[in-house]
Amino acid sequence: MQAQGTGPGTKQVYRGLVQAFMVVVRTEGWRALYQGWGATSLKMIPMSGASFVTYEILRREIEKMRHVIELDEEDDDED
């Protein structure tokens, strides 16, 4: 809908989301709704993996830092 022309002489194809959905299904079939899904998945899988690995590394480093801080506080309490 954002890609539709808004200038003079351009035809508005869709009036809203539901109407666009109905037009696509009616003219191109249900499979048209899933076009591009494969390419998007190929892009998202490595990105999600990188995000997960980064999260895990940072989580472990923060846990190490917390442990060191707790040990320092225990040493200070003994003095």
N, C-alpha and C. Protein backbone atom coordinates (compact mmCIF):
# COMPACT_ATOMS: atom_id res chain seq x y z
N MET A 1 0.82 -1.18 0.00
CA MET A 1 0.00 0.00 0.00
C MET A 1 0.87 1.25 0.00
N GLN A 2 2.01 1.21 0.69
CA GLN A 2 2.90 2.36 0.68
C GLN A 2 3.54 2.53 -0.68
N ALA A 3 3.69 1.42 -1.43
CA ALA A 3 4.32 1.50 -2.73
C ALA A 3 3.36 2.01 -3.80
N GLN A 4 2.09 2.13 -3.48
CA GLN A 4 1.13 2.64 -4.45
C GLN A 4 1.40 4.12 -4.71
N GLY A 5 1.26 4.51 -5.94
CA GLY A 5 1.46 5.91 -6.28
C GLY A 5 0.42 6.80 -5.66
N THR A 6 0.83 7.98 -5.23
CA THR A 6 -0.12 8.92 -4.64
C THR A 6 -0.23 10.20 -5.47
N GLY A 7 0.54 10.26 -6.50
CA GLY A 7 0.53 11.46 -7.32
C GLY A 7 -0.64 11.46 -8.29
N PRO A 8 -0.76 12.56 -9.05
CA PRO A 8 -1.85 12.64 -10.03
C PRO A 8 -1.66 11.61 -11.13
N GLY A 9 -2.75 11.01 -11.54
CA GLY A 9 -2.72 10.03 -12.62
C GLY A 9 -2.34 8.63 -12.17
N THR A 10 -2.16 8.40 -10.89
CA THR A 10 -1.84 7.05 -10.42
C THR A 10 -3.10 6.41 -9.86
N LYS A 11 -3.19 5.11 -10.05
CA LYS A 11 -4.36 4.36 -9.61
C LYS A 11 -4.09 3.69 -8.27
N GLN A 12 -4.99 3.86 -7.33
CA GLN A 12 -4.87 3.21 -6.03
C GLN A 12 -5.47 1.82 -6.15
N VAL A 13 -4.65 0.79 -5.88
CA VAL A 13 -5.09 -0.59 -6.05
C VAL A 13 -5.77 -1.10 -4.78
N TYR A 14 -5.21 -0.78 -3.63
CA TYR A 14 -5.73 -1.31 -2.37
C TYR A 14 -6.23 -0.17 -1.48
N ARG A 15 -7.36 -0.42 -0.81
CA ARG A 15 -7.90 0.58 0.12
C ARG A 15 -7.46 0.31 1.55
N GLY A 16 -7.11 -0.92 1.86
CA GLY A 16 -6.70 -1.27 3.22
C GLY A 16 -6.09 -2.66 3.24
N LEU A 17 -5.66 -3.09 4.41
CA LEU A 17 -4.98 -4.36 4.56
C LEU A 17 -5.88 -5.55 4.22
N VAL A 18 -7.08 -5.56 4.74
CA VAL A 18 -7.99 -6.69 4.49
C VAL A 18 -8.36 -6.76 3.02
N GLN A 19 -8.63 -5.63 2.43
CA GLN A 19 -9.00 -5.60 1.02
C GLN A 19 -7.81 -6.03 0.16
N ALA A 20 -6.59 -5.64 0.51
CA ALA A 20 -5.39 -6.05 -0.22
C ALA A 20 -5.21 -7.56 -0.13
N PHE A 21 -5.40 -8.11 1.06
CA PHE A 21 -5.31 -9.55 1.27
C PHE A 21 -6.30 -10.28 0.36
N MET A 22 -7.53 -9.81 0.35
CA MET A 22 -8.57 -10.46 -0.45
C MET A 22 -8.27 -10.37 -1.94
N VAL A 23 -7.76 -9.24 -2.41
CA VAL A 23 -7.44 -9.08 -3.83
C VAL A 23 -6.31 -10.01 -4.23
N VAL A 24 -5.27 -10.09 -3.40
CA VAL A 24 -4.13 -10.95 -3.72
C VAL A 24 -4.58 -12.41 -3.78
N VAL A 25 -5.33 -12.85 -2.80
CA VAL A 25 -5.80 -14.25 -2.79
C VAL A 25 -6.69 -14.52 -4.00
N ARG A 26 -7.56 -13.59 -4.31
CA ARG A 26 -8.49 -13.78 -5.43
C ARG A 26 -7.76 -13.80 -6.77
N THR A 27 -6.79 -12.90 -6.97
CA THR A 27 -6.14 -12.78 -8.27
C THR A 27 -4.93 -13.69 -8.45
N GLU A 28 -4.18 -13.93 -7.35
CA GLU A 28 -2.94 -14.69 -7.48
C GLU A 28 -2.95 -16.02 -6.73
N GLY A 29 -3.93 -16.22 -5.87
CA GLY A 29 -4.01 -17.47 -5.11
C GLY A 29 -3.29 -17.37 -3.77
N TRP A 30 -3.53 -18.39 -2.92
CA TRP A 30 -2.96 -18.42 -1.57
C TRP A 30 -1.43 -18.46 -1.59
N ARG A 31 -0.85 -19.11 -2.57
CA ARG A 31 0.60 -19.24 -2.62
C ARG A 31 1.29 -17.88 -2.76
N ALA A 32 0.62 -16.92 -3.32
CA ALA A 32 1.20 -15.59 -3.50
C ALA A 32 1.50 -14.93 -2.16
N LEU A 33 0.77 -15.31 -1.12
CA LEU A 33 1.00 -14.73 0.20
C LEU A 33 2.34 -15.16 0.79
N TYR A 34 2.88 -16.26 0.29
CA TYR A 34 4.13 -16.80 0.84
C TYR A 34 5.33 -16.56 -0.06
N GLN A 35 5.17 -15.76 -1.12
CA GLN A 35 6.30 -15.45 -1.98
C GLN A 35 7.34 -14.68 -1.17
N GLY A 36 8.59 -15.07 -1.32
CA GLY A 36 9.66 -14.40 -0.59
C GLY A 36 9.94 -14.99 0.76
N TRP A 37 9.14 -15.96 1.20
CA TRP A 37 9.34 -16.56 2.52
C TRP A 37 10.68 -17.29 2.59
N GLY A 38 11.04 -18.01 1.54
CA GLY A 38 12.30 -18.76 1.53
C GLY A 38 13.51 -17.85 1.65
N ALA A 39 13.52 -16.78 0.87
CA ALA A 39 14.64 -15.84 0.92
C ALA A 39 14.72 -15.14 2.27
N THR A 40 13.58 -14.81 2.82
CA THR A 40 13.57 -14.17 4.14
C THR A 40 14.09 -15.13 5.20
N SER A 41 13.73 -16.39 5.12
CA SER A 41 14.22 -17.38 6.08
C SER A 41 15.72 -17.54 5.97
N LEU A 42 16.24 -17.57 4.76
CA LEU A 42 17.69 -17.70 4.58
C LEU A 42 18.43 -16.51 5.18
N LYS A 43 17.80 -15.36 5.20
CA LYS A 43 18.41 -14.18 5.79
C LYS A 43 18.28 -14.21 7.31
N MET A 44 17.16 -14.66 7.83
CA MET A 44 16.88 -14.59 9.26
C MET A 44 17.60 -15.66 10.07
N ILE A 45 17.83 -16.82 9.51
CA ILE A 45 18.45 -17.91 10.27
C ILE A 45 19.86 -17.54 10.73
N PRO A 46 20.76 -17.07 9.86
CA PRO A 46 22.09 -16.69 10.34
C PRO A 46 22.04 -15.50 11.30
N MET A 47 21.14 -14.56 11.05
CA MET A 47 21.04 -13.40 11.93
C MET A 47 20.58 -13.82 13.33
N SER A 48 19.61 -14.71 13.40
CA SER A 48 19.14 -15.19 14.70
C SER A 48 20.23 -15.96 15.42
N GLY A 49 20.98 -16.75 14.69
CA GLY A 49 22.08 -17.49 15.29
C GLY A 49 23.14 -16.57 15.85
N ALA A 50 23.51 -15.54 15.10
CA ALA A 50 24.50 -14.57 15.57
C ALA A 50 24.00 -13.83 16.80
N SER A 51 22.74 -13.49 16.80
CA SER A 51 22.15 -12.80 17.94
C SER A 51 22.17 -13.69 19.18
N PHE A 52 21.84 -14.96 19.02
CA PHE A 52 21.83 -15.89 20.14
C PHE A 52 23.24 -16.08 20.71
N VAL A 53 24.23 -16.26 19.83
CA VAL A 53 25.61 -16.45 20.28
C VAL A 53 26.10 -15.20 21.02
N THR A 54 25.82 -14.03 20.50
CA THR A 54 26.22 -12.79 21.15
C THR A 54 25.58 -12.68 22.54
N TYR A 55 24.30 -13.00 22.63
CA TYR A 55 23.60 -12.96 23.92
C TYR A 55 24.26 -13.90 24.92
N GLU A 56 24.55 -15.12 24.50
CA GLU A 56 25.14 -16.10 25.41
C GLU A 56 26.52 -15.67 25.89
N ILE A 57 27.33 -15.15 24.99
CA ILE A 57 28.68 -14.69 25.37
C ILE A 57 28.58 -13.55 26.38
N LEU A 58 27.73 -12.57 26.10
CA LEU A 58 27.58 -11.45 27.02
C LEU A 58 27.01 -11.89 28.36
N ARG A 59 26.06 -12.81 28.35
CA ARG A 59 25.49 -13.31 29.59
C ARG A 59 26.56 -13.97 30.46
N ARG A 60 27.39 -14.78 29.85
CA ARG A 60 28.46 -15.45 30.61
C ARG A 60 29.47 -14.45 31.16
N GLU A 61 29.82 -13.45 30.36
CA GLU A 61 30.78 -12.45 30.82
C GLU A 61 30.21 -11.64 31.99
N ILE A 62 28.95 -11.31 31.92
CA ILE A 62 28.31 -10.57 33.02
C ILE A 62 28.27 -11.42 34.28
N GLU A 63 27.98 -12.70 34.13
CA GLU A 63 27.99 -13.60 35.29
C GLU A 63 29.38 -13.66 35.92
N LYS A 64 30.42 -13.72 35.10
CA LYS A 64 31.79 -13.72 35.62
C LYS A 64 32.07 -12.43 36.39
N MET A 65 31.65 -11.30 35.82
CA MET A 65 31.87 -10.01 36.48
C MET A 65 31.13 -9.96 37.81
N ARG A 66 29.92 -10.45 37.86
CA ARG A 66 29.15 -10.47 39.11
C ARG A 66 29.86 -11.32 40.16
N HIS A 67 30.38 -12.44 39.73
CA HIS A 67 31.07 -13.33 40.65
C HIS A 67 32.32 -12.65 41.22
N VAL A 68 33.08 -11.96 40.38
CA VAL A 68 34.27 -11.24 40.84
C VAL A 68 33.89 -10.14 41.82
N ILE A 69 32.83 -9.41 41.52
CA ILE A 69 32.39 -8.33 42.41
C ILE A 69 31.96 -8.91 43.77
N GLU A 70 31.24 -10.03 43.75
CA GLU A 70 30.82 -10.66 45.00
C GLU A 70 32.03 -11.11 45.82
N LEU A 71 33.05 -11.64 45.15
CA LEU A 71 34.26 -12.06 45.87
C LEU A 71 34.97 -10.86 46.48
N ASP A 72 35.04 -9.76 45.74
CA ASP A 72 35.66 -8.54 46.26
C ASP A 72 34.90 -8.02 47.48
N GLU A 73 33.58 -8.07 47.44
CA GLU A 73 32.78 -7.60 48.57
C GLU A 73 32.99 -8.49 49.79
N GLU A 74 33.14 -9.79 49.57
CA GLU A 74 33.39 -10.70 50.69
C GLU A 74 34.76 -10.42 51.32
N ASP A 75 35.76 -10.13 50.48
CA ASP A 75 37.08 -9.80 50.99
C ASP A 75 37.05 -8.50 51.80
N ASP A 76 36.27 -7.52 51.34
CA ASP A 76 36.16 -6.26 52.05
C ASP A 76 35.48 -6.45 53.40
N ASP A 77 34.51 -7.35 53.45
CA ASP A 77 33.79 -7.61 54.71
C ASP A 77 34.69 -8.25 55.76
N GLU A 78 35.64 -9.05 55.32
CA GLU A 78 36.55 -9.73 56.24
C GLU A 78 37.55 -8.78 56.88
N ASP A 79 37.86 -7.69 56.21
CA ASP A 79 38.85 -6.74 56.73
C ASP A 79 38.34 -5.96 57.87
